[in-house]
Amino acid sequence: MEKIAQEAAHLLVSQEGAGWIVAVLLGLACVHLHRESMRAQEARLGDVGATATALERASQTNAAVAAALESRTRVLEDLSRVAAGIARSVEFNDERAREKLDDILRRLAEARTRP
């Protein structure tokens, strides 16, 4: 090990210090490459963070859309039941059913006129 260290020191000082120049240039190149790799890693971490945020927002939006669709599905099911009941009553010429149907149509027309 000592012989390797002595040989390395001899090479550094031989040929009028050209070895030191090479060692310094190699050191500068290593420092530059290290800085560039750190910048690239920071950029990747930033991209990963942005992607994670976008995915989280998308999942929240999807959950909200699913809840809204489920709510509307329930409303449609309720409306279908009411309409089926009214249709059955209308088949029997029930005056109350006609009044209910007129009331529903009036409410729907009011809902459409509201902003």
Protein backbone atom coordinates (compact mmCIF):
# COMPACT_ATOMS: atom_id res chain seq x y z
CA MET A 1 0.00 0.00 0.00
CA GLU A 2 2.88 2.32 0.85
CA LYS A 3 4.54 1.57 -2.48
CA ILE A 4 1.32 2.51 -4.32
CA ALA A 5 1.11 5.79 -2.38
CA GLN A 6 4.77 6.54 -3.09
CA GLU A 7 4.32 5.79 -6.77
CA ALA A 8 1.23 8.01 -6.94
CA ALA A 9 3.12 10.85 -5.24
CA HIS A 10 6.04 10.35 -7.60
CA LEU A 11 3.72 10.55 -10.64
CA LEU A 12 2.14 13.73 -9.34
CA VAL A 13 5.41 15.58 -9.01
CA SER A 14 7.10 14.11 -12.07
CA GLN A 15 7.23 15.90 -15.41
CA GLU A 16 7.25 19.38 -13.92
CA GLY A 17 3.98 19.12 -11.99
CA ALA A 18 1.80 17.95 -14.89
CA GLY A 19 0.32 15.29 -12.60
CA TRP A 20 -0.99 17.96 -10.22
CA ILE A 21 -2.67 19.75 -13.08
CA VAL A 22 -4.38 16.55 -14.16
CA ALA A 23 -5.41 15.79 -10.57
CA VAL A 24 -6.86 19.28 -10.13
CA LEU A 25 -8.73 19.08 -13.45
CA LEU A 26 -10.12 15.66 -12.52
CA GLY A 27 -11.20 17.02 -9.14
CA LEU A 28 -12.96 19.96 -10.78
CA ALA A 29 -14.67 17.62 -13.23
CA CYS A 30 -15.85 15.43 -10.34
CA VAL A 31 -17.22 18.46 -8.47
CA HIS A 32 -19.03 19.67 -11.60
CA LEU A 33 -20.53 16.23 -12.29
CA HIS A 34 -21.64 15.94 -8.66
CA ARG A 35 -23.42 19.31 -8.82
CA GLU A 36 -25.14 18.41 -12.08
CA SER A 37 -26.30 15.06 -10.71
CA MET A 38 -27.68 16.80 -7.60
CA ARG A 39 -29.60 19.27 -9.81
CA ALA A 40 -31.02 16.42 -11.86
CA GLN A 41 -32.12 14.57 -8.71
CA GLU A 42 -33.78 17.71 -7.35
CA ALA A 43 -35.60 18.18 -10.65
CA ARG A 44 -36.80 14.58 -10.55
CA LEU A 45 -38.01 15.01 -6.98
CA GLY A 46 -39.90 18.13 -8.03
CA ASP A 47 -41.52 16.24 -10.90
CA VAL A 48 -42.47 13.39 -8.60
CA GLY A 49 -44.03 15.83 -6.14
CA ALA A 50 -46.02 17.55 -8.88
CA THR A 51 -47.21 14.20 -10.21
CA ALA A 52 -48.25 13.05 -6.75
CA THR A 53 -50.21 16.28 -6.20
CA ALA A 54 -51.93 15.93 -9.56
CA LEU A 55 -52.86 12.31 -8.83
CA GLU A 56 -54.23 13.25 -5.42
CA ARG A 57 -56.37 16.01 -6.91
CA ALA A 58 -57.60 13.68 -9.64
CA SER A 59 -58.58 11.04 -7.10
CA GLN A 60 -60.46 13.63 -5.04
CA THR A 61 -62.27 14.81 -8.16
CA ASN A 62 -63.12 11.25 -9.12
CA ALA A 63 -64.50 10.60 -5.63
CA ALA A 64 -66.64 13.74 -5.84
CA VAL A 65 -67.95 12.77 -9.27
CA ALA A 66 -68.75 9.26 -8.05
CA ALA A 67 -70.67 10.67 -5.07
CA ALA A 68 -72.61 13.04 -7.33
CA LEU A 69 -73.45 10.22 -9.75
CA GLU A 70 -74.61 8.00 -6.91
CA SER A 71 -76.83 10.79 -5.56
CA ARG A 72 -78.35 11.39 -8.97
CA THR A 73 -78.88 7.68 -9.45
CA ARG A 74 -80.86 7.55 -6.20
CA VAL A 75 -82.95 10.54 -7.28
CA LEU A 76 -83.65 8.90 -10.63
CA GLU A 77 -84.67 5.69 -8.89
CA ASP A 78 -87.04 7.62 -6.64
CA LEU A 79 -88.49 9.47 -9.61
CA SER A 80 -88.98 6.19 -11.46
CA ARG A 81 -90.86 4.74 -8.50
CA VAL A 82 -93.07 7.82 -8.21
CA ALA A 83 -93.72 7.88 -11.95
CA ALA A 84 -94.58 4.18 -11.96
CA GLY A 85 -96.99 4.71 -9.06
CA ILE A 86 -98.60 7.63 -10.82
CA ALA A 87 -98.87 5.69 -14.05
CA ARG A 88 -100.64 2.88 -12.23
CA SER A 89 -102.99 5.33 -10.61
CA VAL A 90 -103.68 7.07 -13.93
CA GLU A 91 -104.58 3.72 -15.44
CA PHE A 92 -107.36 3.50 -12.88
CA ASN A 93 -108.46 7.08 -13.67
CA ASP A 94 -107.63 8.29 -10.21
CA GLU A 95 -108.25 12.03 -9.96
CA ARG A 96 -105.64 12.40 -7.21
CA ALA A 97 -103.03 10.91 -9.48
CA ARG A 98 -103.83 13.48 -12.15
CA GLU A 99 -103.46 16.22 -9.55
CA LYS A 100 -100.10 14.78 -8.43
CA LEU A 101 -98.92 14.62 -12.03
CA ASP A 102 -100.02 18.20 -12.65
CA ASP A 103 -98.24 19.25 -9.44
CA ILE A 104 -95.02 17.52 -10.53
CA LEU A 105 -95.20 19.10 -13.98
CA ARG A 106 -95.79 22.53 -12.42
CA ARG A 107 -92.78 22.09 -10.09
CA LEU A 108 -90.58 20.98 -12.96
CA ALA A 109 -91.60 24.05 -14.95
CA GLU A 110 -90.79 26.27 -11.93
CA ALA A 111 -87.41 24.59 -11.54
CA ARG A 112 -86.56 25.24 -15.18
CA THR A 113 -87.38 28.94 -14.91
CA ARG A 114 -85.11 29.43 -11.89
CA PRO A 115 -81.52 30.51 -12.69
